[in-house]
Protein backbone atom coordinates (compact mmCIF):
# COMPACT_ATOMS: atom_id res chain seq x y z
CA MET A 1 114.38 77.36 119.28
CA ASN A 2 113.74 78.04 115.59
CA LEU A 3 110.80 79.97 114.17
CA LEU A 4 108.57 76.98 113.41
CA GLU A 5 109.18 75.59 116.89
CA LYS A 6 108.13 78.94 118.36
CA LEU A 7 104.98 78.89 116.24
CA GLU A 8 104.19 75.35 117.35
CA SER A 9 104.68 76.16 121.03
CA GLY A 10 102.96 79.57 120.95
CA LYS A 11 106.05 81.29 122.34
CA ARG A 12 106.12 85.09 121.97
CA LEU A 13 107.80 86.17 118.75
CA SER A 14 110.58 88.75 118.57
CA TYR A 15 111.02 91.54 116.01
CA GLU A 16 113.50 89.32 114.17
CA ASP A 17 110.96 86.50 114.17
CA GLY A 18 108.34 88.85 112.78
CA VAL A 19 110.58 89.84 109.89
CA ALA A 20 111.39 86.18 109.23
CA LEU A 21 107.68 85.29 109.08
CA TRP A 22 107.42 87.01 105.70
CA GLU A 23 109.71 84.35 104.21
CA LEU A 24 107.22 81.60 105.05
CA ASP A 25 104.71 80.67 102.38
CA LEU A 26 101.15 81.91 102.71
CA PHE A 27 99.64 78.56 103.65
CA THR A 28 102.15 77.91 106.41
CA LEU A 29 101.38 81.33 107.84
CA GLY A 30 97.68 80.69 107.42
CA LYS A 31 97.93 77.36 109.20
CA TYR A 32 99.43 78.86 112.34
CA ALA A 33 97.34 82.05 112.30
CA ASN A 34 94.14 80.06 111.83
CA LYS A 35 95.12 77.66 114.60
CA LYS A 36 95.47 80.62 116.96
CA ARG A 37 92.23 82.19 115.75
CA LYS A 38 90.29 78.94 116.19
CA ALA A 39 91.67 78.43 119.69
CA LEU A 40 90.30 81.85 120.61
CA TYR A 41 87.00 82.03 118.70
CA GLN A 42 86.34 78.69 116.98
CA ASN A 43 84.29 79.37 113.86
CA LYS A 44 82.87 82.75 114.86
CA ALA A 45 83.12 85.77 112.59
CA PHE A 46 82.27 88.95 114.50
CA PHE A 47 80.49 92.02 113.15
CA ASN A 48 78.34 94.83 114.46
CA ILE A 49 75.43 96.85 113.15
CA ASN A 50 76.87 100.33 112.98
CA ARG A 51 76.71 103.65 111.21
CA HIS A 52 79.79 105.57 110.11
CA ILE A 53 79.49 109.36 109.99
CA ASN A 54 82.27 111.64 108.72
CA PRO A 55 81.02 115.09 109.76
CA THR A 56 83.56 117.30 107.96
CA ASN A 57 86.26 116.98 105.32
CA ILE A 58 87.87 120.38 105.89
CA CYS A 59 91.34 119.70 107.26
CA LYS A 60 94.38 121.75 108.27
CA ASP A 61 96.73 118.80 107.74
CA ILE A 62 98.07 117.71 104.37
CA CYS A 63 98.64 113.95 104.31
CA LYS A 64 99.88 112.60 101.00
CA PHE A 65 97.78 109.44 101.21
CA CYS A 66 94.47 111.21 101.90
CA ALA A 67 91.74 111.62 99.29
CA PHE A 68 89.08 112.68 101.80
CA SER A 69 90.39 116.11 102.77
CA ALA A 70 88.88 119.03 100.87
CA ASN A 71 92.25 120.78 101.04
CA ARG A 72 93.74 118.40 98.49
CA LYS A 73 91.99 116.44 95.77
CA ASN A 74 88.43 116.58 97.06
CA PRO A 75 86.61 119.58 95.50
CA ASN A 76 83.55 119.43 97.73
CA PRO A 77 84.20 120.83 101.23
CA TYR A 78 81.48 120.29 103.81
CA THR A 79 80.75 120.51 107.51
CA MET A 80 77.57 118.92 108.83
CA THR A 81 75.36 120.61 111.37
CA HIS A 82 74.34 118.80 114.54
CA GLU A 83 70.83 118.63 113.17
CA GLU A 84 72.01 116.86 110.01
CA ILE A 85 73.94 114.30 112.06
CA LEU A 86 70.98 113.64 114.35
CA LYS A 87 68.67 113.27 111.36
CA ILE A 88 70.98 110.57 109.96
CA LEU A 89 70.87 108.74 113.27
CA ASP A 90 67.07 109.06 113.52
CA GLU A 91 66.92 106.91 110.39
CA SER A 92 69.85 104.60 111.26
CA ILE A 93 68.41 103.74 114.65
CA THR A 94 65.48 102.11 112.83
CA HIS A 95 68.04 99.64 111.42
CA ASN A 96 68.93 98.59 114.96
CA ILE A 97 72.44 100.05 114.97
CA THR A 98 74.30 99.70 118.27
CA GLU A 99 77.24 101.98 117.41
CA VAL A 100 77.89 105.29 115.72
CA HIS A 101 81.46 105.71 114.49
CA ILE A 102 82.41 109.38 114.11
CA VAL A 103 85.71 110.28 112.47
CA SER A 104 86.41 113.37 110.42
CA ALA A 105 89.05 115.91 109.43
CA HIS A 106 90.90 118.55 111.47
CA ASN A 107 88.60 121.51 110.92
CA GLN A 108 90.00 124.70 112.45
CA ASP A 109 86.74 126.58 111.95
CA ALA A 110 84.31 124.08 113.44
CA GLY A 111 85.01 124.88 117.09
CA LEU A 112 85.51 122.67 120.13
CA ASP A 113 81.83 122.74 121.06
CA TRP A 114 80.88 121.57 117.58
CA TYR A 115 82.88 118.41 118.30
CA MET A 116 81.76 117.90 121.90
CA GLY A 117 78.24 119.18 121.40
CA ILE A 118 77.29 116.49 118.93
CA PHE A 119 78.37 113.75 121.35
CA ARG A 120 76.21 115.24 124.09
CA LYS A 121 73.22 115.54 121.76
CA ILE A 122 73.60 111.96 120.51
CA LYS A 123 73.67 110.64 124.08
CA GLU A 124 70.66 112.74 125.05
CA ARG A 125 68.60 111.41 122.14
CA PHE A 126 70.02 107.85 121.97
CA PRO A 127 71.37 107.01 125.45
CA ALA A 128 71.94 103.33 124.63
CA LEU A 129 73.95 104.04 121.47
CA HIS A 130 77.71 103.42 121.75
CA VAL A 131 79.67 106.46 120.57
CA LYS A 132 83.05 105.60 119.06
CA ALA A 133 84.65 108.87 118.10
CA LEU A 134 87.77 110.97 117.57
CA THR A 135 91.04 109.42 116.51
CA ALA A 136 94.24 110.22 118.37
CA ALA A 137 95.05 112.53 115.46
CA GLU A 138 91.85 114.50 116.07
CA ILE A 139 92.55 114.65 119.81
CA ASN A 140 96.05 115.94 119.13
CA PHE A 141 94.62 118.53 116.74
CA LEU A 142 92.07 119.78 119.29
CA ALA A 143 94.63 119.89 122.11
CA THR A 144 97.00 121.92 119.93
CA GLN A 145 94.28 124.17 118.53
CA TYR A 146 92.91 125.11 121.97
CA ASN A 147 96.14 124.94 123.96
CA MET A 148 94.83 122.14 126.14
CA SER A 149 96.37 118.91 127.39
CA TYR A 150 95.40 115.48 126.07
CA GLU A 151 94.02 114.73 129.52
CA GLN A 152 91.71 117.77 129.35
CA ILE A 153 90.40 116.87 125.90
CA ILE A 154 89.85 113.24 126.91
CA GLU A 155 87.99 114.24 130.07
CA MET A 156 85.74 116.49 127.96
CA MET A 157 85.08 113.61 125.56
CA ILE A 158 84.14 111.22 128.35
CA LYS A 159 81.84 113.79 129.97
CA SER A 160 80.27 114.47 126.57
CA GLY A 161 79.44 110.81 126.02
CA VAL A 162 82.27 109.25 123.98
CA ASP A 163 82.50 105.56 124.88
CA SER A 164 85.54 104.32 122.95
CA LEU A 165 88.28 105.47 120.58
CA PRO A 166 88.73 104.30 117.00
CA GLY A 167 92.26 103.37 115.99
CA GLY A 168 92.81 105.87 113.19
CA GLY A 169 95.77 108.19 112.82
CA ALA A 170 98.34 105.49 113.58
CA GLU A 171 99.19 105.10 109.87
CA ILE A 172 102.70 103.61 110.23
CA PHE A 173 104.76 104.34 113.34
CA ASP A 174 108.20 104.55 111.70
CA GLU A 175 109.12 108.21 112.05
CA LYS A 176 110.88 108.60 108.68
CA VAL A 177 107.98 107.09 106.76
CA ARG A 178 105.56 109.13 108.84
CA GLU A 179 107.38 112.35 108.03
CA TYR A 180 107.03 111.58 104.34
CA ILE A 181 103.37 110.53 104.24
CA CYS A 182 101.78 112.70 106.97
CA LYS A 183 104.25 115.33 108.18
CA GLY A 184 102.78 117.58 110.87
CA LYS A 185 100.18 115.06 111.97
CA VAL A 186 100.16 113.44 115.42
CA SER A 187 103.50 111.69 116.00
CA SER A 188 103.80 107.99 116.77
CA LYS A 189 104.81 108.84 120.35
CA GLN A 190 101.85 111.20 120.78
CA TRP A 191 99.43 108.64 119.29
CA MET A 192 100.58 106.10 121.85
CA GLU A 193 100.43 108.62 124.71
CA ILE A 194 96.82 109.51 123.87
CA HIS A 195 95.71 105.88 123.87
CA ASP A 196 97.63 105.27 127.09
CA ILE A 197 95.72 108.09 128.81
CA TRP A 198 92.43 106.78 127.41
CA HIS A 199 93.18 103.30 128.75
CA LYS A 200 94.06 104.71 132.17
CA HIS A 201 90.50 106.02 132.32
CA GLY A 202 89.33 102.42 132.02
CA LYS A 203 88.23 102.90 128.42
CA LYS A 204 88.84 100.73 125.37
CA SER A 205 90.20 101.63 121.95
CA ASN A 206 91.32 100.09 118.68
CA ALA A 207 94.60 100.39 116.79
CA THR A 208 95.17 100.61 113.05
CA MET A 209 98.07 100.26 110.63
CA LEU A 210 97.97 101.71 107.12
CA PHE A 211 99.99 99.44 104.85
CA GLY A 212 100.73 98.98 101.18
CA HIS A 213 102.10 102.43 100.37
CA VAL A 214 105.81 103.32 100.80
CA GLU A 215 106.49 101.35 103.98
CA LYS A 216 108.53 98.15 104.11
CA ARG A 217 107.62 94.88 105.76
CA GLU A 218 110.04 95.67 108.58
CA HIS A 219 108.03 98.82 109.33
CA ARG A 220 104.86 96.76 109.70
CA VAL A 221 106.55 94.42 112.19
CA ASP A 222 107.96 97.40 114.12
CA HIS A 223 104.43 98.88 114.23
CA MET A 224 103.02 95.66 115.68
CA ILE A 225 105.79 95.37 118.28
CA ARG A 226 105.16 98.93 119.49
CA LEU A 227 101.45 98.20 119.90
CA ARG A 228 102.18 94.94 121.68
CA ASP A 229 104.49 96.74 124.12
CA GLN A 230 101.79 99.34 124.80
CA GLN A 231 99.18 96.63 125.29
CA ASP A 232 101.47 94.95 127.84
CA LYS A 233 101.39 98.23 129.79
CA SER A 234 97.83 99.47 129.47
CA GLY A 235 95.76 96.54 128.17
CA GLY A 236 93.12 98.70 126.51
CA PHE A 237 93.23 97.72 122.85
CA ASN A 238 90.21 95.69 121.72
CA ALA A 239 91.25 95.12 118.12
CA PHE A 240 94.05 95.63 115.63
CA ILE A 241 92.95 96.77 112.18
CA PRO A 242 95.38 96.55 109.25
CA LEU A 243 94.06 99.08 106.74
CA VAL A 244 94.84 98.42 103.09
CA TYR A 245 96.08 101.64 101.45
CA GLN A 246 93.74 102.95 98.75
CA ARG A 247 95.75 104.35 95.87
CA GLY A 248 93.17 106.48 94.06
CA ASN A 249 92.97 110.26 94.10
CA ASN A 250 95.95 111.11 96.34
CA TYR A 251 99.55 112.29 96.20
CA LEU A 252 101.60 109.19 97.02
CA HIS A 253 101.42 107.89 93.45
CA VAL A 254 101.91 104.26 94.45
CA GLU A 255 101.80 102.17 91.27
CA ASP A 256 102.54 98.68 92.58
CA PHE A 257 99.43 97.73 94.49
CA LEU A 258 99.55 94.95 97.06
CA SER A 259 98.76 91.41 95.97
CA SER A 260 96.07 89.47 97.79
CA VAL A 261 98.83 87.17 99.08
CA GLU A 262 100.68 90.10 100.66
CA ILE A 263 97.48 91.38 102.28
CA LEU A 264 96.61 87.96 103.68
CA LYS A 265 100.17 87.51 104.96
CA THR A 266 99.82 90.83 106.80
CA TYR A 267 96.65 89.65 108.53
CA ALA A 268 98.23 86.33 109.47
CA ILE A 269 101.42 87.91 110.81
CA SER A 270 99.32 90.41 112.78
CA ARG A 271 97.55 87.52 114.52
CA LEU A 272 100.84 85.75 115.26
CA MET A 273 102.72 88.82 116.52
CA LEU A 274 99.92 90.42 118.54
CA ASP A 275 99.46 87.77 121.20
CA ASN A 276 97.90 90.23 123.65
CA ILE A 277 95.39 92.11 121.44
CA PRO A 278 92.19 90.04 121.36
CA HIS A 279 90.81 90.71 117.89
CA ILE A 280 92.18 91.16 114.38
CA LYS A 281 89.74 93.04 112.18
CA ALA A 282 89.68 92.65 108.41
CA TYR A 283 88.02 95.99 107.73
CA TRP A 284 86.13 95.16 104.56
CA ALA A 285 85.90 98.79 103.47
CA THR A 286 89.63 98.75 102.64
CA SER A 287 90.23 95.10 101.76
CA THR A 288 86.97 94.37 99.87
CA ILE A 289 84.38 92.13 101.46
CA ASN A 290 85.58 89.06 99.57
CA LEU A 291 89.16 89.32 100.77
CA ALA A 292 87.99 90.18 104.30
CA LEU A 293 86.05 86.92 104.33
CA ILE A 294 89.10 84.96 103.15
CA ALA A 295 91.12 86.73 105.86
CA GLN A 296 88.93 84.99 108.42
CA GLU A 297 90.93 81.87 107.53
CA PHE A 298 94.22 83.72 107.98
CA GLY A 299 93.93 84.98 111.54
CA ALA A 300 91.25 87.67 111.33
CA ASP A 301 88.04 87.16 113.33
CA ASP A 302 86.15 90.42 112.73
CA LEU A 303 84.81 92.28 109.68
CA ASP A 304 83.66 95.59 111.25
CA GLY A 305 80.00 96.13 110.41
CA THR A 306 77.24 97.17 108.07
CA ILE A 307 78.61 100.80 108.07
CA GLU A 308 75.68 102.20 105.98
CA LYS A 309 77.74 105.14 104.68
CA GLU A 310 81.52 105.50 104.29
CA SER A 311 83.33 108.53 102.91
CA ILE A 312 87.05 108.33 103.73
CA GLN A 313 88.14 105.11 102.03
CA SER A 314 85.66 105.46 99.18
CA ALA A 315 87.12 108.88 98.32
CA ALA A 316 90.32 107.02 97.44
CA GLY A 317 88.63 104.34 95.37
CA ALA A 318 87.27 101.77 97.83
CA LYS A 319 83.86 100.30 96.95
CA SER A 320 82.43 100.98 100.40
CA SER A 321 80.41 104.15 100.11
CA GLY A 322 77.01 102.49 100.57
CA GLY A 323 77.85 99.99 103.28
CA LEU A 324 76.25 96.53 103.26
CA GLN A 325 72.74 95.36 104.05
CA LEU A 326 72.55 93.13 107.12
CA GLN A 327 71.12 90.12 105.27
CA THR A 328 73.82 90.39 102.59
CA PHE A 329 76.44 90.52 105.33
CA LEU A 330 75.02 87.43 107.02
CA ASP A 331 74.73 85.49 103.76
CA LEU A 332 78.33 86.25 102.80
CA ILE A 333 79.68 85.14 106.18
CA GLN A 334 77.64 81.94 106.25
CA THR A 335 78.47 80.90 102.69
CA SER A 336 82.14 81.39 103.61
CA GLY A 337 81.75 78.70 106.26
CA PHE A 338 81.68 80.88 109.36
CA ALA A 339 79.08 81.55 112.04
CA PRO A 340 78.09 85.25 112.02
CA VAL A 341 78.15 86.68 115.54
CA GLN A 342 76.71 90.13 116.10
CA ARG A 343 78.72 91.90 118.80
CA ASP A 344 78.58 95.22 120.56
CA SER A 345 81.45 97.71 120.36
CA LEU A 346 83.29 96.04 123.25
CA TYR A 347 82.94 92.54 121.76
CA ASN A 348 80.17 91.31 124.01
CA GLU A 349 78.19 88.81 121.93
CA ILE A 350 74.62 89.90 121.14
CA LYS A 351 73.38 87.25 118.73
CA THR A 352 74.72 84.21 116.91
CA TYR A 353 73.07 83.51 113.55
């Protein structure tokens, strides 16, 4: 059976098939990715009303692609107090957010209770708010810092009120590329182990892939295959999020930025390869909102959310620091020909506009 026959029949694609997909033209890829997307979700484009908070940028790790860490290019180190975080949420809750997304750096001075304490305080003040927090990289950092197991850290998180895991820290799973771009950070094996434990607790998480830096197309396909294998085992990934590398203000010095065609091909191939991960998110903070909307025709079905405030991608040049107003978000989706569907963090539909 050749590649096009496999695409027509919906048969699971191999690694070799995934590599061969890149040789297809964009519109052929889009045709098959969109067919799969429509079979799953028709014309729906999912989003949520959320608030991103990045509580500290002081980090022990030195990742070449990072512009957020105060240890490298960012001259303004900060660590928020619990009171500052709660004050932000006091205002955000008036905008009807359903999720707070908390991701930050690996701060050796903040203390374990600083991390866990804020989750407890958020749940005490806003019991209905979904807390998505701590990447696998942060969990690995805390386990190492305090000589604890992943299981112990995860149990503390659950008891403190964390509801789901974001997908950050995955970067690219190929070990040689990983050693070059983020040596010393959580390994690909450890990242997978942490999500496996999380899923065994009956919890959901997301998975990311940072692309467009020094990796090759083959590395992207390998990354997807590893996630698909893990999903076969644990079934806990809600969404796959290809993150477009931001080239500003970091140490990778990538000069040849990805074309829109290459980005859209990556979304489409993600949808075709990941037959067991429900959602493909075009995270507008890294792709731009316009390209994220076009990606909805190339296999993606989700855009993330209103965000309100974003510090990590914008530190590297993304135009996402102020988030998007809800009405603007709705207008953009509708004028792109899709039906905006507000979802919760676990993809239960709240409202169709």
